[in-house]
Amino acid sequence: MERLRTLRTEHVLTLRELAEAAGVSKDTIWRLENGHSDAHPSTIRKLAKTLGVQPKELVKTGGSDG
């Protein structure tokens, strides 16, 4: 979820700050940002709400591969 990292840095939030605001663990956010894990729908909703975006904004891909 590369978009998650972009939005977090645009909001000038650390992993810990976003985790506390969204009610998820810092490790979960790190794993999502680094592609080590897929997010549960409830986690996506929490993060999107905290960042002020629609959930689909977090799962959007950068483009098509063909």
PDB file of N, CA and C in Angstrom:
ATOM      1  N   MET A   1       0.831  -1.188   0.000  1.00  0.00           N
ATOM      2  CA  MET A   1       0.000   0.000   0.000  1.00  0.00           C
ATOM      3  C   MET A   1       0.878   1.255   0.000  1.00  0.00           C
ATOM      4  N   GLU A   2       1.498   1.464  -1.133  1.00  0.00           N
ATOM      5  CA  GLU A   2       2.378   2.610  -1.277  1.00  0.00           C
ATOM      6  C   GLU A   2       1.638   3.920  -1.021  1.00  0.00           C
ATOM      7  N   ARG A   3       0.375   3.958  -1.395  1.00  0.00           N
ATOM      8  CA  ARG A   3      -0.447   5.161  -1.205  1.00  0.00           C
ATOM      9  C   ARG A   3      -0.575   5.519   0.276  1.00  0.00           C
ATOM     10  N   LEU A   4      -0.587   4.518   1.131  1.00  0.00           N
ATOM     11  CA  LEU A   4      -0.677   4.764   2.570  1.00  0.00           C
ATOM     12  C   LEU A   4       0.514   5.580   3.047  1.00  0.00           C
ATOM     13  N   ARG A   5       1.704   5.193   2.644  1.00  0.00           N
ATOM     14  CA  ARG A   5       2.910   5.926   3.054  1.00  0.00           C
ATOM     15  C   ARG A   5       2.872   7.359   2.524  1.00  0.00           C
ATOM     16  N   THR A   6       2.453   7.511   1.268  1.00  0.00           N
ATOM     17  CA  THR A   6       2.375   8.846   0.670  1.00  0.00           C
ATOM     18  C   THR A   6       1.425   9.739   1.457  1.00  0.00           C
ATOM     19  N   LEU A   7       0.233   9.225   1.746  1.00  0.00           N
ATOM     20  CA  LEU A   7      -0.739  10.016   2.499  1.00  0.00           C
ATOM     21  C   LEU A   7      -0.251  10.319   3.912  1.00  0.00           C
ATOM     22  N   ARG A   8       0.386   9.340   4.544  1.00  0.00           N
ATOM     23  CA  ARG A   8       0.895   9.550   5.909  1.00  0.00           C
ATOM     24  C   ARG A   8       1.939  10.664   5.923  1.00  0.00           C
ATOM     25  N   THR A   9       2.851  10.642   4.948  1.00  0.00           N
ATOM     26  CA  THR A   9       3.893  11.668   4.927  1.00  0.00           C
ATOM     27  C   THR A   9       3.327  13.030   4.516  1.00  0.00           C
ATOM     28  N   GLU A  10       2.307  13.044   3.645  1.00  0.00           N
ATOM     29  CA  GLU A  10       1.662  14.310   3.290  1.00  0.00           C
ATOM     30  C   GLU A  10       1.001  14.948   4.510  1.00  0.00           C
ATOM     31  N   HIS A  11       0.507  14.111   5.419  1.00  0.00           N
ATOM     32  CA  HIS A  11      -0.121  14.610   6.643  1.00  0.00           C
ATOM     33  C   HIS A  11       0.911  14.828   7.762  1.00  0.00           C
ATOM     34  N   VAL A  12       2.180  14.608   7.456  1.00  0.00           N
ATOM     35  CA  VAL A  12       3.285  14.782   8.389  1.00  0.00           C
ATOM     36  C   VAL A  12       3.031  13.989   9.668  1.00  0.00           C
ATOM     37  N   LEU A  13       2.724  12.706   9.487  1.00  0.00           N
ATOM     38  CA  LEU A  13       2.477  11.819  10.614  1.00  0.00           C
ATOM     39  C   LEU A  13       3.548  10.734  10.672  1.00  0.00           C
ATOM     40  N   THR A  14       3.983  10.409  11.864  1.00  0.00           N
ATOM     41  CA  THR A  14       4.865   9.256  12.036  1.00  0.00           C
ATOM     42  C   THR A  14       4.003   8.000  12.050  1.00  0.00           C
ATOM     43  N   LEU A  15       4.660   6.856  11.954  1.00  0.00           N
ATOM     44  CA  LEU A  15       3.933   5.590  12.066  1.00  0.00           C
ATOM     45  C   LEU A  15       3.157   5.543  13.377  1.00  0.00           C
ATOM     46  N   ARG A  16       3.816   5.926  14.443  1.00  0.00           N
ATOM     47  CA  ARG A  16       3.186   5.880  15.771  1.00  0.00           C
ATOM     48  C   ARG A  16       1.980   6.816  15.844  1.00  0.00           C
ATOM     49  N   GLU A  17       2.111   8.028  15.319  1.00  0.00           N
ATOM     50  CA  GLU A  17       1.002   8.986  15.365  1.00  0.00           C
ATOM     51  C   GLU A  17      -0.208   8.477  14.586  1.00  0.00           C
ATOM     52  N   LEU A  18       0.022   7.947  13.392  1.00  0.00           N
ATOM     53  CA  LEU A  18      -1.082   7.413  12.600  1.00  0.00           C
ATOM     54  C   LEU A  18      -1.700   6.203  13.294  1.00  0.00           C
ATOM     55  N   ALA A  19      -0.865   5.354  13.846  1.00  0.00           N
ATOM     56  CA  ALA A  19      -1.367   4.168  14.541  1.00  0.00           C
ATOM     57  C   ALA A  19      -2.270   4.556  15.702  1.00  0.00           C
ATOM     58  N   GLU A  20      -1.839   5.500  16.505  1.00  0.00           N
ATOM     59  CA  GLU A  20      -2.635   5.934  17.656  1.00  0.00           C
ATOM     60  C   GLU A  20      -3.940   6.592  17.213  1.00  0.00           C
ATOM     61  N   ALA A  21      -3.872   7.430  16.180  1.00  0.00           N
ATOM     62  CA  ALA A  21      -5.063   8.131  15.718  1.00  0.00           C
ATOM     63  C   ALA A  21      -6.085   7.173  15.100  1.00  0.00           C
ATOM     64  N   ALA A  22      -5.593   6.144  14.405  1.00  0.00           N
ATOM     65  CA  ALA A  22      -6.486   5.208  13.710  1.00  0.00           C
ATOM     66  C   ALA A  22      -6.899   4.029  14.578  1.00  0.00           C
ATOM     67  N   GLY A  23      -6.182   3.795  15.665  1.00  0.00           N
ATOM     68  CA  GLY A  23      -6.511   2.669  16.528  1.00  0.00           C
ATOM     69  C   GLY A  23      -6.019   1.339  15.990  1.00  0.00           C
ATOM     70  N   VAL A  24      -4.896   1.382  15.282  1.00  0.00           N
ATOM     71  CA  VAL A  24      -4.263   0.144  14.802  1.00  0.00           C
ATOM     72  C   VAL A  24      -2.817   0.143  15.271  1.00  0.00           C
ATOM     73  N   SER A  25      -2.157  -0.993  15.158  1.00  0.00           N
ATOM     74  CA  SER A  25      -0.781  -1.057  15.658  1.00  0.00           C
ATOM     75  C   SER A  25       0.204  -0.444  14.660  1.00  0.00           C
ATOM     76  N   LYS A  26       1.279   0.083  15.215  1.00  0.00           N
ATOM     77  CA  LYS A  26       2.353   0.650  14.402  1.00  0.00           C
ATOM     78  C   LYS A  26       2.931  -0.425  13.485  1.00  0.00           C
ATOM     79  N   ASP A  27       3.069  -1.635  13.991  1.00  0.00           N
ATOM     80  CA  ASP A  27       3.608  -2.737  13.189  1.00  0.00           C
ATOM     81  C   ASP A  27       2.705  -3.052  12.003  1.00  0.00           C
ATOM     82  N   THR A  28       1.399  -2.964  12.206  1.00  0.00           N
ATOM     83  CA  THR A  28       0.464  -3.213  11.102  1.00  0.00           C
ATOM     84  C   THR A  28       0.681  -2.202   9.984  1.00  0.00           C
ATOM     85  N   ILE A  29       0.797  -0.937  10.346  1.00  0.00           N
ATOM     86  CA  ILE A  29       1.011   0.095   9.335  1.00  0.00           C
ATOM     87  C   ILE A  29       2.336  -0.131   8.625  1.00  0.00           C
ATOM     88  N   TRP A  30       3.381  -0.464   9.363  1.00  0.00           N
ATOM     89  CA  TRP A  30       4.684  -0.717   8.745  1.00  0.00           C
ATOM     90  C   TRP A  30       4.582  -1.865   7.745  1.00  0.00           C
ATOM     91  N   ARG A  31       3.919  -2.953   8.144  1.00  0.00           N
ATOM     92  CA  ARG A  31       3.785  -4.110   7.246  1.00  0.00           C
ATOM     93  C   ARG A  31       2.994  -3.746   5.995  1.00  0.00           C
ATOM     94  N   LEU A  32       1.964  -2.950   6.140  1.00  0.00           N
ATOM     95  CA  LEU A  32       1.160  -2.533   4.984  1.00  0.00           C
ATOM     96  C   LEU A  32       1.975  -1.648   4.041  1.00  0.00           C
ATOM     97  N   GLU A  33       2.684  -0.693   4.602  1.00  0.00           N
ATOM     98  CA  GLU A  33       3.477   0.227   3.780  1.00  0.00           C
ATOM     99  C   GLU A  33       4.592  -0.489   3.034  1.00  0.00           C
ATOM    100  N   ASN A  34       5.099  -1.550   3.617  1.00  0.00           N
ATOM    101  CA  ASN A  34       6.218  -2.263   3.010  1.00  0.00           C
ATOM    102  C   ASN A  34       5.800  -3.512   2.253  1.00  0.00           C
ATOM    103  N   GLY A  35       4.499  -3.704   2.074  1.00  0.00           N
ATOM    104  CA  GLY A  35       4.003  -4.808   1.268  1.00  0.00           C
ATOM    105  C   GLY A  35       4.145  -6.180   1.884  1.00  0.00           C
ATOM    106  N   HIS A  36       4.301  -6.239   3.197  1.00  0.00           N
ATOM    107  CA  HIS A  36       4.472  -7.527   3.873  1.00  0.00           C
ATOM    108  C   HIS A  36       3.158  -8.147   4.314  1.00  0.00           C
ATOM    109  N   SER A  37       2.061  -7.420   4.121  1.00  0.00           N
ATOM    110  CA  SER A  37       0.787  -7.909   4.618  1.00  0.00           C
ATOM    111  C   SER A  37      -0.340  -7.208   3.876  1.00  0.00           C
ATOM    112  N   ASP A  38      -1.481  -7.876   3.790  1.00  0.00           N
ATOM    113  CA  ASP A  38      -2.688  -7.265   3.221  1.00  0.00           C
ATOM    114  C   ASP A  38      -3.540  -6.751   4.375  1.00  0.00           C
ATOM    115  N   ALA A  39      -4.238  -5.670   4.132  1.00  0.00           N
ATOM    116  CA  ALA A  39      -5.058  -5.064   5.184  1.00  0.00           C
ATOM    117  C   ALA A  39      -6.450  -5.669   5.216  1.00  0.00           C
ATOM    118  N   HIS A  40      -6.964  -5.828   6.407  1.00  0.00           N
ATOM    119  CA  HIS A  40      -8.363  -6.215   6.583  1.00  0.00           C
ATOM    120  C   HIS A  40      -9.219  -5.004   6.212  1.00  0.00           C
ATOM    121  N   PRO A  41     -10.402  -5.227   5.684  1.00  0.00           N
ATOM    122  CA  PRO A  41     -11.274  -4.092   5.327  1.00  0.00           C
ATOM    123  C   PRO A  41     -11.493  -3.109   6.476  1.00  0.00           C
ATOM    124  N   SER A  42     -11.628  -3.604   7.690  1.00  0.00           N
ATOM    125  CA  SER A  42     -11.846  -2.695   8.819  1.00  0.00           C
ATOM    126  C   SER A  42     -10.622  -1.811   9.060  1.00  0.00           C
ATOM    127  N   THR A  43      -9.436  -2.351   8.846  1.00  0.00           N
ATOM    128  CA  THR A  43      -8.204  -1.569   9.008  1.00  0.00           C
ATOM    129  C   THR A  43      -8.133  -0.497   7.934  1.00  0.00           C
ATOM    130  N   ILE A  44      -8.487  -0.847   6.706  1.00  0.00           N
ATOM    131  CA  ILE A  44      -8.484   0.129   5.612  1.00  0.00           C
ATOM    132  C   ILE A  44      -9.447   1.271   5.935  1.00  0.00           C
ATOM    133  N   ARG A  45     -10.623   0.934   6.440  1.00  0.00           N
ATOM    134  CA  ARG A  45     -11.600   1.970   6.778  1.00  0.00           C
ATOM    135  C   ARG A  45     -11.081   2.893   7.885  1.00  0.00           C
ATOM    136  N   LYS A  46     -10.461   2.324   8.911  1.00  0.00           N
ATOM    137  CA  LYS A  46      -9.918   3.137  10.011  1.00  0.00           C
ATOM    138  C   LYS A  46      -8.838   4.093   9.513  1.00  0.00           C
ATOM    139  N   LEU A  47      -7.926   3.563   8.704  1.00  0.00           N
ATOM    140  CA  LEU A  47      -6.833   4.394   8.197  1.00  0.00           C
ATOM    141  C   LEU A  47      -7.362   5.478   7.264  1.00  0.00           C
ATOM    142  N   ALA A  48      -8.297   5.119   6.392  1.00  0.00           N
ATOM    143  CA  ALA A  48      -8.857   6.097   5.456  1.00  0.00           C
ATOM    144  C   ALA A  48      -9.563   7.220   6.209  1.00  0.00           C
ATOM    145  N   LYS A  49     -10.345   6.865   7.207  1.00  0.00           N
ATOM    146  CA  LYS A  49     -11.063   7.874   7.986  1.00  0.00           C
ATOM    147  C   LYS A  49     -10.077   8.824   8.666  1.00  0.00           C
ATOM    148  N   THR A  50      -9.031   8.267   9.235  1.00  0.00           N
ATOM    149  CA  THR A  50      -8.022   9.081   9.920  1.00  0.00           C
ATOM    150  C   THR A  50      -7.313  10.018   8.955  1.00  0.00           C
ATOM    151  N   LEU A  51      -7.067   9.539   7.729  1.00  0.00           N
ATOM    152  CA  LEU A  51      -6.349  10.338   6.738  1.00  0.00           C
ATOM    153  C   LEU A  51      -7.273  11.223   5.903  1.00  0.00           C
ATOM    154  N   GLY A  52      -8.580  11.103   6.129  1.00  0.00           N
ATOM    155  CA  GLY A  52      -9.527  11.961   5.428  1.00  0.00           C
ATOM    156  C   GLY A  52      -9.721  11.618   3.965  1.00  0.00           C
ATOM    157  N   VAL A  53      -9.604  10.334   3.626  1.00  0.00           N
ATOM    158  CA  VAL A  53      -9.812   9.888   2.249  1.00  0.00           C
ATOM    159  C   VAL A  53     -10.819   8.750   2.222  1.00  0.00           C
ATOM    160  N   GLN A  54     -11.285   8.414   1.040  1.00  0.00           N
ATOM    161  CA  GLN A  54     -12.146   7.259   0.868  1.00  0.00           C
ATOM    162  C   GLN A  54     -11.278   6.001   0.936  1.00  0.00           C
ATOM    163  N   PRO A  55     -11.815   4.898   1.447  1.00  0.00           N
ATOM    164  CA  PRO A  55     -11.029   3.660   1.519  1.00  0.00           C
ATOM    165  C   PRO A  55     -10.409   3.253   0.186  1.00  0.00           C
ATOM    166  N   LYS A  56     -11.121   3.483  -0.919  1.00  0.00           N
ATOM    167  CA  LYS A  56     -10.587   3.090  -2.225  1.00  0.00           C
ATOM    168  C   LYS A  56      -9.295   3.841  -2.566  1.00  0.00           C
ATOM    169  N   GLU A  57      -9.087   5.011  -1.959  1.00  0.00           N
ATOM    170  CA  GLU A  57      -7.850   5.763  -2.198  1.00  0.00           C
ATOM    171  C   GLU A  57      -6.618   5.014  -1.676  1.00  0.00           C
ATOM    172  N   LEU A  58      -6.798   4.233  -0.628  1.00  0.00           N
ATOM    173  CA  LEU A  58      -5.664   3.501  -0.059  1.00  0.00           C
ATOM    174  C   LEU A  58      -5.313   2.263  -0.852  1.00  0.00           C
ATOM    175  N   VAL A  59      -6.298   1.679  -1.515  1.00  0.00           N
ATOM    176  CA  VAL A  59      -6.034   0.428  -2.224  1.00  0.00           C
ATOM    177  C   VAL A  59      -5.850   0.628  -3.718  1.00  0.00           C
ATOM    178  N   LYS A  60      -5.931   1.860  -4.161  1.00  0.00           N
ATOM    179  CA  LYS A  60      -5.767   2.189  -5.569  1.00  0.00           C
ATOM    180  C   LYS A  60      -4.334   1.847  -6.021  1.00  0.00           C
ATOM    181  N   THR A  61      -4.213   1.299  -7.203  1.00  0.00           N
ATOM    182  CA  THR A  61      -2.891   0.980  -7.747  1.00  0.00           C
ATOM    183  C   THR A  61      -2.384   2.153  -8.575  1.00  0.00           C
ATOM    184  N   GLY A  62      -1.096   2.156  -8.814  1.00  0.00           N
ATOM    185  CA  GLY A  62      -0.475   3.244  -9.538  1.00  0.00           C
ATOM    186  C   GLY A  62      -0.773   3.270 -11.023  1.00  0.00           C
ATOM    187  N   GLY A  63      -1.300   2.219 -11.579  1.00  0.00           N
ATOM    188  CA  GLY A  63      -1.604   2.171 -13.002  1.00  0.00           C
ATOM    189  C   GLY A  63      -1.817   0.733 -13.414  1.00  0.00           C
ATOM    190  N   SER A  64      -1.994   0.526 -14.715  1.00  0.00           N
ATOM    191  CA  SER A  64      -2.214  -0.850 -15.177  1.00  0.00           C
ATOM    192  C   SER A  64      -0.941  -1.388 -15.806  1.00  0.00           C
ATOM    193  N   ASP A  65      -0.822  -2.701 -15.757  1.00  0.00           N
ATOM    194  CA  ASP A  65       0.358  -3.355 -16.311  1.00  0.00           C
ATOM    195  C   ASP A  65       0.120  -3.792 -17.754  1.00  0.00           C
ATOM    196  N   GLY A  66      -0.985  -3.414 -18.333  1.00  0.00           N
ATOM    197  CA  GLY A  66      -1.186  -3.750 -19.731  1.00  0.00           C
ATOM    198  C   GLY A  66      -2.435  -4.338 -19.961  1.00  0.00           C
TER     199      GLY A  66
END
